[in-house]
N, C-alpha and C. Protein backbone atom coordinates (compact mmCIF):
# COMPACT_ATOMS: atom_id res chain seq x y z
N UNK A 1 -20.78 15.56 26.06
CA UNK A 1 -19.43 15.36 25.60
C UNK A 1 -19.02 16.54 24.72
N UNK A 2 -17.83 17.04 24.93
CA UNK A 2 -17.35 18.21 24.19
C UNK A 2 -16.98 17.83 22.76
N UNK A 3 -17.21 18.78 21.86
CA UNK A 3 -16.84 18.57 20.46
C UNK A 3 -15.39 18.98 20.25
N UNK A 4 -14.82 18.50 19.16
CA UNK A 4 -13.46 18.90 18.80
C UNK A 4 -13.46 20.39 18.49
N UNK A 5 -12.37 21.08 18.80
CA UNK A 5 -12.33 22.51 18.49
C UNK A 5 -12.24 22.75 16.98
N UNK A 6 -12.73 23.89 16.55
CA UNK A 6 -12.63 24.27 15.14
C UNK A 6 -11.19 24.63 14.82
N UNK A 7 -10.73 24.17 13.67
CA UNK A 7 -9.37 24.47 13.21
C UNK A 7 -9.42 24.82 11.74
N UNK A 8 -8.40 25.52 11.24
CA UNK A 8 -8.39 25.85 9.81
C UNK A 8 -8.24 24.58 8.96
N UNK A 9 -8.80 24.64 7.78
CA UNK A 9 -8.69 23.55 6.81
C UNK A 9 -7.21 23.26 6.55
N UNK A 10 -6.87 22.01 6.30
CA UNK A 10 -5.47 21.61 6.05
C UNK A 10 -4.95 22.07 4.70
N UNK A 11 -5.84 22.48 3.81
CA UNK A 11 -5.41 22.92 2.49
C UNK A 11 -4.65 24.24 2.64
N UNK A 12 -3.45 24.36 2.05
CA UNK A 12 -2.66 25.59 2.20
C UNK A 12 -3.44 26.82 1.74
N UNK A 13 -3.51 27.81 2.62
CA UNK A 13 -4.15 29.08 2.27
C UNK A 13 -5.64 29.13 2.54
N UNK A 14 -6.26 28.02 2.89
CA UNK A 14 -7.71 28.00 3.15
C UNK A 14 -7.94 28.30 4.63
N UNK A 15 -8.76 29.30 4.91
CA UNK A 15 -9.02 29.71 6.28
C UNK A 15 -10.35 29.18 6.81
N UNK A 16 -11.04 28.36 6.06
CA UNK A 16 -12.32 27.81 6.51
C UNK A 16 -12.10 26.97 7.77
N UNK A 17 -12.99 27.12 8.74
CA UNK A 17 -12.87 26.37 9.99
C UNK A 17 -13.65 25.07 9.90
N UNK A 18 -13.05 24.01 10.45
CA UNK A 18 -13.66 22.68 10.37
C UNK A 18 -13.25 21.84 11.57
N UNK A 19 -14.02 20.82 11.85
CA UNK A 19 -13.67 19.88 12.92
C UNK A 19 -13.06 18.60 12.35
N UNK A 20 -13.18 18.39 11.06
CA UNK A 20 -12.70 17.16 10.45
C UNK A 20 -11.32 17.29 9.82
N UNK A 21 -10.79 18.48 9.74
CA UNK A 21 -9.47 18.67 9.14
C UNK A 21 -9.53 19.26 7.74
N UNK A 22 -10.60 19.01 7.01
CA UNK A 22 -10.75 19.50 5.65
C UNK A 22 -12.10 20.17 5.50
N UNK A 23 -12.15 21.29 4.82
CA UNK A 23 -13.44 21.91 4.51
C UNK A 23 -14.08 21.11 3.37
N UNK A 24 -15.39 21.25 3.14
CA UNK A 24 -16.03 20.49 2.07
C UNK A 24 -15.41 20.73 0.69
N UNK A 25 -14.90 21.92 0.47
CA UNK A 25 -14.31 22.25 -0.83
C UNK A 25 -12.99 21.51 -1.08
N UNK A 26 -12.21 21.25 -0.02
CA UNK A 26 -10.88 20.67 -0.18
C UNK A 26 -10.75 19.23 0.33
N UNK A 27 -11.85 18.63 0.73
CA UNK A 27 -11.82 17.25 1.24
C UNK A 27 -11.25 16.33 0.16
N UNK A 28 -10.27 15.48 0.50
CA UNK A 28 -9.70 14.57 -0.51
C UNK A 28 -10.77 13.70 -1.14
N UNK A 29 -10.66 13.53 -2.43
CA UNK A 29 -11.66 12.77 -3.17
C UNK A 29 -11.32 11.29 -3.30
N UNK A 30 -10.06 10.92 -3.00
CA UNK A 30 -9.66 9.52 -3.15
C UNK A 30 -10.39 8.67 -2.12
N UNK A 31 -11.15 7.74 -2.59
CA UNK A 31 -11.88 6.82 -1.73
C UNK A 31 -11.70 5.41 -2.28
N UNK A 32 -11.67 4.45 -1.40
CA UNK A 32 -11.64 3.07 -1.84
C UNK A 32 -13.05 2.69 -2.29
N UNK A 33 -13.15 2.07 -3.43
CA UNK A 33 -14.46 1.68 -3.91
C UNK A 33 -14.52 0.15 -3.93
N UNK A 34 -14.10 -0.43 -5.01
CA UNK A 34 -14.17 -1.88 -5.15
C UNK A 34 -13.27 -2.59 -4.15
N UNK A 35 -12.09 -2.03 -3.89
CA UNK A 35 -11.14 -2.73 -3.02
C UNK A 35 -11.52 -2.65 -1.55
N UNK A 36 -12.46 -1.81 -1.18
CA UNK A 36 -12.82 -1.66 0.23
C UNK A 36 -13.33 -2.98 0.81
N UNK A 37 -13.99 -3.79 0.01
CA UNK A 37 -14.57 -5.04 0.49
C UNK A 37 -13.50 -6.04 0.92
N UNK A 38 -12.36 -6.02 0.29
CA UNK A 38 -11.34 -7.03 0.61
C UNK A 38 -10.03 -6.44 1.12
N UNK A 39 -9.93 -5.14 1.28
CA UNK A 39 -8.70 -4.55 1.79
C UNK A 39 -8.44 -4.97 3.24
N UNK A 40 -9.48 -5.27 3.97
CA UNK A 40 -9.35 -5.72 5.36
C UNK A 40 -8.66 -7.06 5.50
N UNK A 41 -8.51 -7.81 4.41
CA UNK A 41 -7.81 -9.09 4.48
C UNK A 41 -6.38 -8.92 5.00
N UNK A 42 -5.79 -7.74 4.77
CA UNK A 42 -4.43 -7.49 5.24
C UNK A 42 -4.35 -7.44 6.76
N UNK A 43 -5.48 -7.32 7.45
CA UNK A 43 -5.49 -7.30 8.91
C UNK A 43 -5.76 -8.67 9.52
N UNK A 44 -6.04 -9.66 8.70
CA UNK A 44 -6.32 -11.01 9.21
C UNK A 44 -5.04 -11.65 9.77
N UNK A 45 -5.17 -12.44 10.85
CA UNK A 45 -3.99 -13.11 11.40
C UNK A 45 -3.27 -14.00 10.39
N UNK A 46 -4.01 -14.58 9.46
CA UNK A 46 -3.37 -15.41 8.44
C UNK A 46 -2.33 -14.61 7.67
N UNK A 47 -2.62 -13.34 7.39
CA UNK A 47 -1.67 -12.49 6.67
C UNK A 47 -0.60 -11.95 7.61
N UNK A 48 -1.01 -11.37 8.74
CA UNK A 48 -0.07 -10.68 9.63
C UNK A 48 0.86 -11.61 10.39
N UNK A 49 0.40 -12.83 10.69
CA UNK A 49 1.21 -13.74 11.51
C UNK A 49 1.82 -14.89 10.74
N UNK A 50 1.32 -15.15 9.54
CA UNK A 50 1.81 -16.32 8.81
C UNK A 50 2.38 -15.96 7.44
N UNK A 51 1.54 -15.51 6.53
CA UNK A 51 1.98 -15.33 5.14
C UNK A 51 3.02 -14.23 4.98
N UNK A 52 2.77 -13.05 5.54
CA UNK A 52 3.70 -11.92 5.38
C UNK A 52 5.06 -12.22 6.02
N UNK A 53 5.11 -12.63 7.29
CA UNK A 53 6.42 -12.92 7.89
C UNK A 53 7.16 -14.05 7.18
N UNK A 54 6.44 -15.06 6.74
CA UNK A 54 7.10 -16.18 6.04
C UNK A 54 7.74 -15.71 4.74
N UNK A 55 7.07 -14.83 4.01
CA UNK A 55 7.62 -14.31 2.76
C UNK A 55 8.87 -13.47 3.03
N UNK A 56 8.83 -12.61 4.05
CA UNK A 56 9.98 -11.76 4.35
C UNK A 56 11.17 -12.59 4.86
N UNK A 57 10.91 -13.72 5.50
CA UNK A 57 12.00 -14.61 5.90
C UNK A 57 12.58 -15.35 4.70
N UNK A 58 11.71 -15.76 3.81
CA UNK A 58 12.12 -16.49 2.61
C UNK A 58 12.91 -15.59 1.67
N UNK A 59 12.51 -14.34 1.58
CA UNK A 59 13.12 -13.40 0.63
C UNK A 59 13.30 -12.04 1.34
N UNK A 60 14.39 -11.85 2.10
CA UNK A 60 14.54 -10.65 2.92
C UNK A 60 14.95 -9.39 2.15
N UNK A 61 15.36 -9.53 0.89
CA UNK A 61 15.80 -8.37 0.12
C UNK A 61 14.85 -8.10 -1.03
N UNK A 62 14.80 -6.85 -1.44
CA UNK A 62 13.89 -6.41 -2.50
C UNK A 62 14.22 -7.10 -3.82
N UNK A 63 13.24 -7.77 -4.37
CA UNK A 63 13.42 -8.48 -5.64
C UNK A 63 13.66 -7.50 -6.79
N UNK A 64 12.96 -6.39 -6.79
CA UNK A 64 13.08 -5.42 -7.86
C UNK A 64 14.46 -4.75 -7.86
N UNK A 65 14.95 -4.37 -6.70
CA UNK A 65 16.29 -3.76 -6.60
C UNK A 65 17.37 -4.75 -7.04
N UNK A 66 17.19 -6.02 -6.70
CA UNK A 66 18.16 -7.05 -7.09
C UNK A 66 18.24 -7.19 -8.60
N UNK A 67 17.10 -6.99 -9.27
CA UNK A 67 17.10 -7.07 -10.73
C UNK A 67 17.59 -5.78 -11.39
N UNK A 68 17.36 -4.65 -10.74
CA UNK A 68 17.69 -3.36 -11.32
C UNK A 68 19.18 -3.01 -11.21
N UNK A 69 19.82 -3.36 -10.11
CA UNK A 69 21.20 -2.94 -9.86
C UNK A 69 22.17 -4.10 -10.01
N UNK A 70 23.41 -3.82 -10.43
CA UNK A 70 24.41 -4.89 -10.54
C UNK A 70 24.79 -5.42 -9.15
N UNK A 71 25.26 -6.65 -9.07
CA UNK A 71 25.56 -7.28 -7.77
C UNK A 71 26.59 -6.52 -6.92
N UNK A 72 27.48 -5.75 -7.53
CA UNK A 72 28.48 -5.03 -6.74
C UNK A 72 27.95 -3.69 -6.21
N UNK A 73 26.77 -3.28 -6.61
CA UNK A 73 26.15 -2.04 -6.13
C UNK A 73 25.47 -2.33 -4.79
N UNK A 74 25.68 -1.50 -3.75
CA UNK A 74 25.05 -1.76 -2.44
C UNK A 74 23.52 -1.76 -2.50
N UNK A 75 22.95 -1.04 -3.46
CA UNK A 75 21.49 -1.02 -3.58
C UNK A 75 20.93 -2.36 -4.05
N UNK A 76 21.80 -3.24 -4.52
CA UNK A 76 21.39 -4.56 -4.98
C UNK A 76 20.73 -5.35 -3.85
N UNK A 77 21.14 -5.07 -2.61
CA UNK A 77 20.62 -5.80 -1.46
C UNK A 77 19.87 -4.85 -0.52
N UNK A 78 18.82 -4.25 -1.03
CA UNK A 78 17.97 -3.38 -0.23
C UNK A 78 17.01 -4.24 0.60
N UNK A 79 16.90 -3.95 1.87
CA UNK A 79 16.03 -4.72 2.77
C UNK A 79 14.57 -4.54 2.35
N UNK A 80 13.86 -5.64 2.21
CA UNK A 80 12.44 -5.62 1.84
C UNK A 80 11.59 -5.35 3.08
N UNK A 81 10.59 -4.53 2.92
CA UNK A 81 9.68 -4.21 4.03
C UNK A 81 8.22 -4.48 3.67
N UNK A 82 7.95 -4.75 2.39
CA UNK A 82 6.57 -4.93 1.92
C UNK A 82 6.46 -6.26 1.19
N UNK A 83 5.37 -6.98 1.46
CA UNK A 83 5.08 -8.18 0.68
C UNK A 83 4.03 -7.78 -0.36
N UNK A 84 4.40 -7.94 -1.61
CA UNK A 84 3.57 -7.50 -2.73
C UNK A 84 2.95 -8.71 -3.42
N UNK A 85 1.77 -8.50 -3.97
CA UNK A 85 1.15 -9.52 -4.81
C UNK A 85 1.60 -9.28 -6.24
N UNK A 86 2.26 -10.24 -6.83
CA UNK A 86 2.78 -10.10 -8.20
C UNK A 86 1.64 -9.76 -9.15
N UNK A 87 0.61 -10.57 -9.12
CA UNK A 87 -0.61 -10.27 -9.87
C UNK A 87 -1.62 -9.73 -8.87
N UNK A 88 -2.20 -8.55 -9.08
CA UNK A 88 -3.19 -8.03 -8.13
C UNK A 88 -4.32 -9.02 -7.92
N UNK A 89 -4.67 -9.27 -6.67
CA UNK A 89 -5.64 -10.32 -6.38
C UNK A 89 -7.09 -9.84 -6.55
N UNK A 90 -7.35 -8.58 -6.34
CA UNK A 90 -8.67 -7.96 -6.57
C UNK A 90 -9.84 -8.81 -6.10
N UNK A 91 -9.75 -9.27 -4.85
CA UNK A 91 -10.85 -10.01 -4.25
C UNK A 91 -10.80 -11.51 -4.45
N UNK A 92 -9.79 -12.03 -5.12
CA UNK A 92 -9.65 -13.47 -5.33
C UNK A 92 -8.86 -14.05 -4.15
N UNK A 93 -9.56 -14.75 -3.26
CA UNK A 93 -8.92 -15.28 -2.04
C UNK A 93 -7.75 -16.21 -2.36
N UNK A 94 -7.93 -17.09 -3.33
CA UNK A 94 -6.86 -18.04 -3.68
C UNK A 94 -5.61 -17.31 -4.13
N UNK A 95 -5.77 -16.25 -4.90
CA UNK A 95 -4.62 -15.46 -5.36
C UNK A 95 -4.01 -14.67 -4.21
N UNK A 96 -4.83 -14.25 -3.26
CA UNK A 96 -4.35 -13.49 -2.10
C UNK A 96 -3.43 -14.33 -1.24
N UNK A 97 -3.77 -15.59 -1.01
CA UNK A 97 -2.99 -16.42 -0.08
C UNK A 97 -1.92 -17.27 -0.78
N UNK A 98 -1.86 -17.26 -2.09
CA UNK A 98 -0.91 -18.09 -2.85
C UNK A 98 0.52 -17.58 -2.68
N UNK A 99 1.41 -18.31 -2.01
CA UNK A 99 2.80 -17.86 -1.83
C UNK A 99 3.54 -17.65 -3.16
N UNK A 100 3.13 -18.34 -4.20
CA UNK A 100 3.77 -18.14 -5.50
C UNK A 100 3.43 -16.78 -6.09
N UNK A 101 2.42 -16.11 -5.55
CA UNK A 101 2.02 -14.79 -6.02
C UNK A 101 2.58 -13.68 -5.13
N UNK A 102 3.44 -14.02 -4.18
CA UNK A 102 4.03 -13.03 -3.27
C UNK A 102 5.47 -12.74 -3.66
N UNK A 103 5.86 -11.48 -3.50
CA UNK A 103 7.26 -11.10 -3.67
C UNK A 103 7.61 -10.04 -2.63
N UNK A 104 8.85 -10.02 -2.21
CA UNK A 104 9.30 -9.04 -1.23
C UNK A 104 9.87 -7.83 -1.97
N UNK A 105 9.42 -6.64 -1.56
CA UNK A 105 9.88 -5.40 -2.18
C UNK A 105 10.19 -4.37 -1.10
N UNK A 106 11.05 -3.40 -1.44
CA UNK A 106 11.23 -2.25 -0.57
C UNK A 106 10.04 -1.32 -0.82
N UNK A 107 9.81 -0.38 0.06
CA UNK A 107 8.64 0.50 -0.06
C UNK A 107 8.68 1.31 -1.35
N UNK A 108 9.85 1.81 -1.72
CA UNK A 108 9.96 2.63 -2.94
C UNK A 108 9.56 1.83 -4.18
N UNK A 109 10.04 0.61 -4.30
CA UNK A 109 9.69 -0.23 -5.46
C UNK A 109 8.21 -0.61 -5.43
N UNK A 110 7.68 -0.90 -4.23
CA UNK A 110 6.26 -1.24 -4.13
C UNK A 110 5.38 -0.06 -4.54
N UNK A 111 5.73 1.14 -4.07
CA UNK A 111 4.95 2.32 -4.43
C UNK A 111 4.99 2.58 -5.93
N UNK A 112 6.16 2.38 -6.53
CA UNK A 112 6.31 2.58 -7.97
C UNK A 112 5.44 1.57 -8.74
N UNK A 113 5.47 0.31 -8.32
CA UNK A 113 4.69 -0.73 -8.98
C UNK A 113 3.19 -0.47 -8.83
N UNK A 114 2.77 -0.10 -7.63
CA UNK A 114 1.36 0.16 -7.37
C UNK A 114 0.86 1.35 -8.19
N UNK A 115 1.66 2.40 -8.28
CA UNK A 115 1.26 3.57 -9.08
C UNK A 115 1.11 3.19 -10.54
N UNK A 116 2.01 2.37 -11.06
CA UNK A 116 1.91 1.94 -12.46
C UNK A 116 0.67 1.09 -12.68
N UNK A 117 0.35 0.21 -11.73
CA UNK A 117 -0.85 -0.63 -11.84
C UNK A 117 -2.11 0.22 -11.82
N UNK A 118 -2.14 1.22 -10.96
CA UNK A 118 -3.33 2.08 -10.88
C UNK A 118 -3.49 2.92 -12.13
N UNK A 119 -2.39 3.32 -12.73
CA UNK A 119 -2.47 4.12 -13.96
C UNK A 119 -2.96 3.28 -15.14
N UNK A 120 -2.56 2.00 -15.16
CA UNK A 120 -2.93 1.11 -16.28
C UNK A 120 -4.25 0.38 -16.03
N UNK A 121 -4.53 0.07 -14.79
CA UNK A 121 -5.67 -0.79 -14.47
C UNK A 121 -6.98 -0.06 -14.40
N UNK A 122 -8.04 -0.79 -14.04
CA UNK A 122 -9.36 -0.19 -13.91
C UNK A 122 -9.43 0.71 -12.70
N UNK A 123 -10.34 1.66 -12.72
CA UNK A 123 -10.54 2.56 -11.59
C UNK A 123 -11.16 1.78 -10.45
N UNK A 124 -11.13 2.38 -9.27
CA UNK A 124 -11.81 1.74 -8.14
C UNK A 124 -10.87 1.35 -7.03
N UNK A 125 -9.65 1.81 -7.05
CA UNK A 125 -8.73 1.46 -5.97
C UNK A 125 -8.89 2.39 -4.83
């Protein structure tokens, strides 16, 4: 079986040739540690076919945008695309499936909330 062709490292200005996309010097260091054990729960049919769609039907607009903008502002009703856990579940199955712990957010608000949690919370995401 043929190997992948050598290509330059993805890091700007690095000419090192690699088959994986990154040379050892520039390989991204972000790895899932503690969350790797339970991050796969998002692929379970319970989440993809039941909990997530039910939440987006129940609350189709971003909760955070609705609180941030006045009702006459069009951004007040931003379509939600992400189901967020209000309190991070961190491996707690009951907290993961609890509908009272779910909220609908747009991607921008979810990314902002997640970044703030990672900055304040313990390492290992």
